[in-house]
Protein backbone atom coordinates (compact mmCIF):
# COMPACT_ATOMS: atom_id res chain seq x y z
CA UNK A 1 1.29 -1.85 36.39
CA UNK A 2 -0.80 -0.28 39.03
CA UNK A 3 -3.94 -1.52 37.30
CA UNK A 4 -2.53 -5.05 37.19
CA UNK A 5 -1.93 -5.01 40.97
CA UNK A 6 -5.52 -3.93 41.61
CA UNK A 7 -6.76 -6.78 39.39
CA UNK A 8 -4.74 -9.36 41.35
CA UNK A 9 -6.09 -8.09 44.66
CA UNK A 10 -9.70 -8.37 43.48
CA UNK A 11 -9.08 -11.87 42.21
CA UNK A 12 -7.70 -13.00 45.62
CA UNK A 13 -10.67 -11.55 47.45
CA UNK A 14 -13.10 -13.37 45.12
CA UNK A 15 -11.28 -16.67 45.63
CA UNK A 16 -11.35 -16.35 49.42
CA UNK A 17 -15.11 -15.62 49.33
CA UNK A 18 -15.87 -18.78 47.29
CA UNK A 19 -13.81 -20.98 49.61
CA UNK A 20 -15.58 -19.62 52.68
CA UNK A 21 -19.04 -20.31 51.24
CA UNK A 22 -18.04 -23.85 50.28
CA UNK A 23 -16.80 -24.52 53.78
CA UNK A 24 -20.08 -23.36 55.33
CA UNK A 25 -22.15 -25.60 52.98
CA UNK A 26 -20.30 -28.81 53.84
CA UNK A 27 -19.88 -28.32 57.59
CA UNK A 28 -22.37 -30.47 59.69
CA UNK A 29 -25.10 -28.65 61.51
CA UNK A 30 -24.87 -28.90 65.28
CA UNK A 31 -28.13 -28.67 67.23
CA UNK A 32 -27.99 -28.29 70.98
CA UNK A 33 -30.33 -30.77 72.70
CA UNK A 34 -32.86 -29.16 75.03
CA UNK A 35 -32.61 -29.91 78.71
CA UNK A 36 -35.18 -32.63 79.55
CA UNK A 37 -37.92 -31.59 81.92
CA UNK A 38 -37.35 -32.88 85.42
CA UNK A 39 -39.03 -36.24 86.36
CA UNK A 40 -40.37 -36.83 82.82
CA UNK A 41 -39.07 -40.36 82.35
CA UNK A 42 -36.95 -41.24 85.33
CA UNK A 43 -36.80 -40.49 88.98
CA UNK A 44 -33.88 -40.46 91.31
CA UNK A 45 -33.67 -42.57 94.40
CA UNK A 46 -31.12 -42.35 97.18
CA UNK A 47 -27.64 -43.57 96.25
CA UNK A 48 -26.97 -47.27 96.53
CA UNK A 49 -23.58 -48.48 97.76
CA UNK A 50 -21.88 -50.85 95.32
CA UNK A 51 -19.52 -53.64 96.30
CA UNK A 52 -16.38 -51.52 95.78
CA UNK A 53 -17.73 -48.85 98.17
CA UNK A 54 -18.45 -46.46 95.30
CA UNK A 55 -21.91 -45.03 94.84
CA UNK A 56 -24.25 -45.36 91.88
CA UNK A 57 -27.51 -43.71 91.06
CA UNK A 58 -30.42 -46.21 90.79
CA UNK A 59 -33.02 -45.42 88.14
CA UNK A 60 -36.59 -46.67 88.71
CA UNK A 61 -39.55 -46.66 86.31
CA UNK A 62 -42.18 -44.01 86.75
CA UNK A 63 -45.94 -44.32 86.53
CA UNK A 64 -45.89 -43.69 82.79
CA UNK A 65 -44.48 -47.19 82.10
CA UNK A 66 -46.41 -50.53 82.07
CA UNK A 67 -46.07 -52.10 85.49
CA UNK A 68 -47.75 -54.99 87.29
CA UNK A 69 -50.62 -53.71 89.38
CA UNK A 70 -49.84 -54.10 93.03
CA UNK A 71 -52.52 -55.89 95.01
CA UNK A 72 -54.01 -54.47 98.17
CA UNK A 73 -53.38 -56.23 101.42
CA UNK A 74 -57.06 -57.27 101.56
CA UNK A 75 -57.64 -60.83 100.30
CA UNK A 76 -60.84 -61.63 98.41
CA UNK A 77 -62.17 -64.97 99.59
CA UNK A 78 -64.68 -67.07 97.62
CA UNK A 79 -67.06 -69.18 99.66
CA UNK A 80 -67.31 -72.77 98.44
CA UNK A 81 -69.68 -74.27 100.99
CA UNK A 82 -72.97 -72.91 99.64
CA UNK A 83 -75.56 -75.69 99.58
CA UNK A 84 -78.21 -75.21 96.89
CA UNK A 85 -80.96 -77.58 95.84
CA UNK A 86 -84.38 -77.57 94.15
CA UNK A 87 -87.63 -77.83 96.05
CA UNK A 88 -91.03 -78.75 94.64
CA UNK A 89 -94.17 -77.80 96.55
CA UNK A 90 -97.39 -79.46 95.43
CA UNK A 91 -100.90 -79.61 96.77
CA UNK A 92 -102.77 -82.79 97.67
CA UNK A 93 -103.86 -83.19 94.05
CA UNK A 94 -100.30 -83.06 92.72
CA UNK A 95 -100.42 -79.50 91.34
CA UNK A 96 -97.49 -77.13 91.68
CA UNK A 97 -97.97 -74.45 94.36
CA UNK A 98 -96.76 -71.12 92.99
CA UNK A 99 -96.27 -67.70 94.58
CA UNK A 100 -94.25 -68.80 97.61
CA UNK A 101 -91.60 -66.43 99.01
CA UNK A 102 -88.36 -67.00 100.91
CA UNK A 103 -90.12 -66.41 104.22
CA UNK A 104 -92.46 -69.34 103.53
CA UNK A 105 -89.57 -71.84 103.76
CA UNK A 106 -87.49 -73.24 106.59
CA UNK A 107 -84.35 -75.38 106.18
CA UNK A 108 -82.95 -77.64 108.86
CA UNK A 109 -79.55 -79.35 108.65
CA UNK A 110 -79.05 -82.14 111.18
CA UNK A 111 -81.97 -80.67 113.09
CA UNK A 112 -80.55 -77.11 113.27
CA UNK A 113 -82.37 -74.35 111.38
CA UNK A 114 -80.27 -72.61 108.73
CA UNK A 115 -80.51 -69.08 107.34
CA UNK A 116 -81.71 -69.08 103.73
CA UNK A 117 -79.28 -66.97 101.70
CA UNK A 118 -80.30 -67.88 98.14
CA UNK A 119 -83.88 -68.07 96.86
CA UNK A 120 -85.37 -68.14 93.36
CA UNK A 121 -88.35 -69.46 91.44
CA UNK A 122 -87.00 -71.25 88.41
CA UNK A 123 -88.73 -72.43 85.26
CA UNK A 124 -86.54 -73.88 82.55
CA UNK A 125 -86.26 -76.80 80.10
CA UNK A 126 -84.95 -80.14 81.33
CA UNK A 127 -83.59 -83.45 80.08
CA UNK A 128 -85.15 -86.78 81.07
CA UNK A 129 -83.66 -90.26 80.78
CA UNK A 130 -86.32 -92.89 80.13
CA UNK A 131 -84.89 -96.09 81.62
CA UNK A 132 -87.02 -99.04 80.45
CA UNK A 133 -86.91 -102.54 81.95
CA UNK A 134 -87.16 -105.14 79.15
CA UNK A 135 -86.33 -108.19 81.27
CA UNK A 136 -88.29 -111.46 80.92
CA UNK A 137 -90.63 -110.55 83.78
CA UNK A 138 -91.92 -107.54 81.84
CA UNK A 139 -92.56 -109.25 78.51
CA UNK A 140 -96.31 -109.53 79.13
CA UNK A 141 -96.46 -105.79 79.82
CA UNK A 142 -93.90 -104.50 77.34
CA UNK A 143 -96.50 -102.82 75.13
CA UNK A 144 -98.09 -101.17 78.15
CA UNK A 145 -94.65 -99.92 79.27
CA UNK A 146 -93.92 -98.58 75.79
CA UNK A 147 -97.28 -96.84 75.62
CA UNK A 148 -96.63 -95.26 79.02
CA UNK A 149 -93.17 -94.06 77.97
CA UNK A 150 -94.61 -92.46 74.81
CA UNK A 151 -97.38 -90.87 76.88
CA UNK A 152 -94.73 -89.27 79.05
CA UNK A 153 -92.89 -87.92 76.00
CA UNK A 154 -96.14 -86.40 74.76
CA UNK A 155 -96.44 -84.43 78.03
CA UNK A 156 -93.20 -82.52 77.39
CA UNK A 157 -92.63 -79.21 75.65
CA UNK A 158 -90.60 -78.70 72.50
CA UNK A 159 -87.55 -77.47 74.40
CA UNK A 160 -87.44 -80.51 76.73
CA UNK A 161 -85.16 -83.38 75.71
CA UNK A 162 -85.34 -87.14 76.28
CA UNK A 163 -82.74 -89.92 76.18
CA UNK A 164 -84.03 -93.51 75.85
CA UNK A 165 -82.22 -96.47 77.45
CA UNK A 166 -83.43 -100.06 77.86
CA UNK A 167 -81.94 -102.80 79.98
CA UNK A 168 -82.19 -106.54 80.51
CA UNK A 169 -78.92 -108.17 81.57
CA UNK A 170 -77.15 -105.44 79.58
CA UNK A 171 -77.72 -101.73 79.07
CA UNK A 172 -78.71 -100.48 75.61
CA UNK A 173 -78.81 -96.80 74.62
CA UNK A 174 -81.64 -96.53 72.07
CA UNK A 175 -81.57 -92.76 71.56
CA UNK A 176 -79.33 -89.89 72.58
CA UNK A 177 -80.90 -86.81 74.14
CA UNK A 178 -83.21 -85.16 71.60
CA UNK A 179 -86.50 -83.30 71.34
CA UNK A 180 -87.42 -85.06 68.09
CA UNK A 181 -90.68 -86.74 69.11
CA UNK A 182 -90.82 -89.08 66.12
CA UNK A 183 -87.28 -90.35 66.81
CA UNK A 184 -88.14 -90.88 70.47
CA UNK A 185 -91.30 -92.87 69.71
CA UNK A 186 -89.33 -95.05 67.29
CA UNK A 187 -86.62 -95.65 69.90
CA UNK A 188 -89.17 -96.62 72.55
CA UNK A 189 -90.85 -99.11 70.20
CA UNK A 190 -87.45 -100.75 69.58
CA UNK A 191 -87.21 -101.71 73.26
CA UNK A 192 -87.81 -105.48 73.15
CA UNK A 193 -87.43 -107.86 76.08
CA UNK A 194 -84.28 -109.93 76.57
CA UNK A 195 -82.51 -112.09 79.19
CA UNK A 196 -81.93 -111.31 82.87
CA UNK A 197 -82.48 -108.12 84.86
CA UNK A 198 -79.44 -105.97 85.69
CA UNK A 199 -81.40 -103.15 87.29
CA UNK A 200 -78.63 -102.05 89.66
CA UNK A 201 -76.09 -101.95 86.85
CA UNK A 202 -78.47 -99.93 84.68
CA UNK A 203 -79.00 -97.37 87.45
CA UNK A 204 -75.25 -97.23 88.09
CA UNK A 205 -74.55 -96.71 84.38
CA UNK A 206 -77.05 -93.86 84.15
CA UNK A 207 -75.62 -92.12 87.22
CA UNK A 208 -71.94 -92.62 86.40
CA UNK A 209 -72.02 -92.09 82.64
CA UNK A 210 -75.08 -90.40 81.19
CA UNK A 211 -76.12 -87.93 83.90
CA UNK A 212 -72.56 -86.61 84.16
CA UNK A 213 -72.75 -85.39 80.56
CA UNK A 214 -76.10 -83.62 80.80
CA UNK A 215 -76.14 -79.93 81.64
CA UNK A 216 -78.97 -78.20 83.46
CA UNK A 217 -81.94 -79.79 85.17
CA UNK A 218 -82.27 -83.54 84.68
CA UNK A 219 -84.24 -86.53 85.87
CA UNK A 220 -84.65 -90.28 85.39
CA UNK A 221 -88.05 -91.88 84.80
CA UNK A 222 -87.59 -95.58 85.49
CA UNK A 223 -90.11 -98.17 84.21
CA UNK A 224 -89.52 -101.46 86.08
CA UNK A 225 -90.83 -104.01 88.56
CA UNK A 226 -87.81 -103.28 90.78
CA UNK A 227 -86.45 -106.84 90.88
CA UNK A 228 -82.77 -107.40 90.02
CA UNK A 229 -81.49 -110.86 89.08
CA UNK A 230 -78.17 -110.51 87.21
CA UNK A 231 -76.21 -107.44 88.44
CA UNK A 232 -72.61 -108.13 89.45
CA UNK A 233 -70.80 -104.80 89.29
CA UNK A 234 -73.35 -102.76 91.26
CA UNK A 235 -75.79 -103.46 94.06
CA UNK A 236 -78.69 -102.09 96.06
CA UNK A 237 -76.57 -100.15 98.57
CA UNK A 238 -74.05 -98.68 96.14
CA UNK A 239 -76.66 -97.25 93.79
CA UNK A 240 -78.88 -95.85 96.54
CA UNK A 241 -75.83 -94.11 98.00
CA UNK A 242 -74.97 -92.56 94.63
CA UNK A 243 -78.39 -90.94 94.35
CA UNK A 244 -77.43 -88.76 97.34
CA UNK A 245 -74.45 -87.38 95.43
CA UNK A 246 -76.05 -86.56 92.06
CA UNK A 247 -78.00 -83.55 90.87
CA UNK A 248 -80.87 -85.51 89.30
CA UNK A 249 -84.30 -86.69 90.42
CA UNK A 250 -85.53 -90.29 90.12
CA UNK A 251 -89.17 -91.06 89.32
CA UNK A 252 -89.69 -94.86 89.37
CA UNK A 253 -92.87 -96.21 87.73
CA UNK A 254 -93.37 -99.63 89.32
CA UNK A 255 -95.07 -102.49 87.46
CA UNK A 256 -96.23 -105.38 89.61
CA UNK A 257 -95.33 -108.49 87.59
CA UNK A 258 -95.66 -110.88 90.52
CA UNK A 259 -98.72 -112.64 89.05
CA UNK A 260 -96.84 -113.49 85.89
CA UNK A 261 -93.91 -114.75 87.96
CA UNK A 262 -96.08 -117.36 89.74
CA UNK A 263 -96.34 -115.65 93.11
CA UNK A 264 -100.13 -115.61 93.32
CA UNK A 265 -101.00 -118.78 91.48
CA UNK A 266 -100.04 -121.26 88.79
CA UNK A 267 -99.16 -120.88 85.17
CA UNK A 268 -95.96 -120.50 83.27
CA UNK A 269 -93.68 -117.53 83.49
CA UNK A 270 -90.78 -116.58 81.26
CA UNK A 271 -87.37 -117.98 82.15
CA UNK A 272 -84.10 -116.38 81.04
CA UNK A 273 -82.57 -118.22 78.12
CA UNK A 274 -79.49 -120.24 79.03
CA UNK A 275 -76.58 -119.48 76.75
CA UNK A 276 -74.12 -122.15 75.79
CA UNK A 277 -70.90 -121.39 77.57
CA UNK A 278 -67.75 -123.03 76.31
CA UNK A 279 -64.56 -120.99 75.99
CA UNK A 280 -66.08 -118.59 73.44
CA UNK A 281 -69.14 -117.99 75.58
CA UNK A 282 -67.06 -117.37 78.70
CA UNK A 283 -64.86 -114.84 76.91
CA UNK A 284 -68.00 -113.16 75.57
CA UNK A 285 -69.33 -112.87 79.12
CA UNK A 286 -66.07 -111.37 80.36
CA UNK A 287 -65.84 -108.83 77.54
CA UNK A 288 -69.47 -107.78 77.92
CA UNK A 289 -69.56 -107.65 81.69
CA UNK A 290 -71.45 -110.88 82.21
CA UNK A 291 -68.80 -112.32 84.55
CA UNK A 292 -66.82 -110.37 87.12
CA UNK A 293 -64.14 -112.16 89.12
CA UNK A 294 -63.50 -111.23 92.73
CA UNK A 295 -66.66 -109.79 94.24
CA UNK A 296 -69.55 -107.71 93.00
CA UNK A 297 -73.24 -108.30 93.59
CA UNK A 298 -74.72 -111.60 92.55
CA UNK A 299 -78.44 -111.50 93.06
CA UNK A 300 -78.82 -115.27 92.99
CA UNK A 301 -82.61 -115.09 92.61
CA UNK A 302 -84.82 -115.31 89.56
CA UNK A 303 -87.35 -112.71 90.67
CA UNK A 304 -90.08 -115.16 91.58
CA UNK A 305 -90.41 -114.79 95.35
CA UNK A 306 -92.45 -112.41 97.48
CA UNK A 307 -89.29 -111.31 99.32
CA UNK A 308 -87.60 -110.25 96.08
CA UNK A 309 -90.60 -108.15 95.08
CA UNK A 310 -90.73 -106.50 98.50
CA UNK A 311 -87.03 -105.69 98.21
CA UNK A 312 -87.62 -104.26 94.74
CA UNK A 313 -90.44 -102.04 95.96
CA UNK A 314 -88.33 -100.74 98.84
CA UNK A 315 -85.43 -100.10 96.47
CA UNK A 316 -87.50 -97.91 94.16
CA UNK A 317 -88.89 -95.97 97.10
CA UNK A 318 -85.35 -95.24 98.31
CA UNK A 319 -84.20 -94.11 94.87
CA UNK A 320 -87.03 -91.59 94.77
CA UNK A 321 -86.65 -90.41 98.36
CA UNK A 322 -82.87 -89.97 98.30
CA UNK A 323 -82.90 -88.06 95.01
CA UNK A 324 -85.88 -85.86 95.88
CA UNK A 325 -88.22 -87.42 93.32
CA UNK A 326 -91.40 -89.49 93.66
CA UNK A 327 -92.35 -93.10 93.01
CA UNK A 328 -95.56 -94.27 91.34
CA UNK A 329 -97.50 -97.49 90.89
CA UNK A 330 -98.31 -98.28 87.26
CA UNK A 331 -101.83 -99.44 88.08
CA UNK A 332 -102.76 -95.85 88.96
CA UNK A 333 -103.53 -93.03 86.52
CA UNK A 334 -100.18 -92.59 84.78
CA UNK A 335 -101.28 -89.71 82.58
CA UNK A 336 -101.91 -87.61 85.67
CA UNK A 337 -98.62 -88.81 87.15
CA UNK A 338 -96.65 -87.87 84.02
CA UNK A 339 -98.26 -84.46 83.87
CA UNK A 340 -97.28 -83.90 87.51
CA UNK A 341 -93.69 -85.02 86.91
CA UNK A 342 -93.28 -82.70 83.93
CA UNK A 343 -94.71 -79.75 85.87
CA UNK A 344 -92.55 -80.58 88.87
CA UNK A 345 -89.41 -80.67 86.77
CA UNK A 346 -90.21 -77.51 84.88
CA UNK A 347 -91.24 -75.33 87.83
CA UNK A 348 -89.31 -75.45 91.08
CA UNK A 349 -87.97 -73.28 93.85
CA UNK A 350 -84.22 -73.06 94.37
CA UNK A 351 -82.99 -72.67 97.96
CA UNK A 352 -79.45 -72.12 99.20
CA UNK A 353 -77.72 -71.68 102.55
CA UNK A 354 -74.29 -71.65 104.17
CA UNK A 355 -74.15 -74.40 106.84
CA UNK A 356 -73.54 -73.29 110.41
CA UNK A 357 -71.03 -76.14 110.58
CA UNK A 358 -69.36 -77.08 107.30
CA UNK A 359 -68.38 -80.59 108.38
CA UNK A 360 -65.65 -82.94 107.27
CA UNK A 361 -65.18 -84.26 103.75
CA UNK A 362 -67.29 -87.38 103.24
CA UNK A 363 -69.65 -86.56 106.10
CA UNK A 364 -73.36 -87.03 105.40
CA UNK A 365 -75.67 -84.19 106.40
CA UNK A 366 -79.43 -84.56 106.78
CA UNK A 367 -81.70 -81.90 105.24
CA UNK A 368 -85.32 -81.16 106.04
CA UNK A 369 -87.40 -78.46 104.35
CA UNK A 370 -90.64 -77.10 105.79
CA UNK A 371 -93.20 -74.82 104.15
CA UNK A 372 -95.42 -72.59 106.26
CA UNK A 373 -98.54 -73.49 104.33
CA UNK A 374 -101.24 -76.04 105.20
CA UNK A 375 -102.08 -79.04 103.02
CA UNK A 376 -98.96 -79.01 100.86
CA UNK A 377 -96.34 -81.64 100.12
CA UNK A 378 -92.64 -80.73 99.91
CA UNK A 379 -90.30 -82.64 97.59
CA UNK A 380 -86.57 -82.08 98.14
CA UNK A 381 -83.35 -83.96 98.76
CA UNK A 382 -83.08 -85.22 102.31
CA UNK A 383 -79.28 -85.39 102.56
CA UNK A 384 -75.97 -84.50 100.96
CA UNK A 385 -72.36 -85.56 101.38
CA UNK A 386 -69.73 -82.92 102.17
CA UNK A 387 -67.19 -82.62 99.34
CA UNK A 388 -64.30 -80.42 98.25
CA UNK A 389 -66.40 -77.91 96.31
CA UNK A 390 -69.79 -76.31 96.68
CA UNK A 391 -72.75 -78.64 96.92
CA UNK A 392 -75.08 -77.77 94.05
CA UNK A 393 -77.92 -80.08 93.35
CA UNK A 394 -80.42 -80.27 90.51
CA UNK A 395 -82.14 -77.16 89.31
CA UNK A 396 -79.40 -74.63 89.97
């Protein structure tokens, strides 16, 4: 009996031991979280009173979080009134004068000398628009004009591009800007004479449409006698004014066709063909710009008077002067002229200054550039019109 009691006691102890181990195996483990280091993720700020007069602690981000960068009180201002423009300096034989420094130049705006802030010698490729007059007055010289245009193309380098446009009473784009010499020669040979002479409209088209799309340095070489007979949507004054606002140089090559137009003697001269009007013809004129109601410039002449030729000559001179280019007479040595134009376009000086007086929007400022060297000729724009942004002319 005594042995049986001892057996029961051992059995109870064994049972209690198993239950205790089972309880420890199934009980979840509790891990005490460590105290966070002070100021690791948040920072305390003074208490903020809430609406019910109780206080709350406001938590603010620390420098370890992504935050907008706070600007300094100093404001960075960008100047927008820098006037920059190209300058060509040539000797009496038309050759580019190299080696000049900033101290060799002087700039005057409205007669007041300006401090030159920006100076560089630039040599880079350019794009030229060949604008060819194929009006009736030029038909006897069309082959000569074509040969001259091709001669100019042959003066250029491989990286220079040319765009070919012809005009009579309408404007015709014969080739987009390219350096493919074969394509350019073919386009020039396709320029055949037509009716009327819308010179002003052709110049306006080139300024308003084509030059706006050309990046970098650009120029217009214009082959014409300068006489307009059919422009309605542009005129002498409007196009001359626009040359002050563009960043391109004009180089007119003037052909004197007055003999063929019966100024200096008899003979027949070409007359524009008269188109049959009727309703269809009138609508065709309207759609193609031949008729403009309510204003515009109607030349009224047929290009056969001395006064018209004098006006044409003056017009070409103003295009060249206002844009900073040069005008030439076709009866001179054109090969030398073309070589000079190409060199002038390719190699120029760039000058820039901040005007002493900025002026009002739309105000015209006169510019004069002097070079402290004897026997040189300076080619540069002679004016600009104050606008909303910086005035940057060709070559910059």
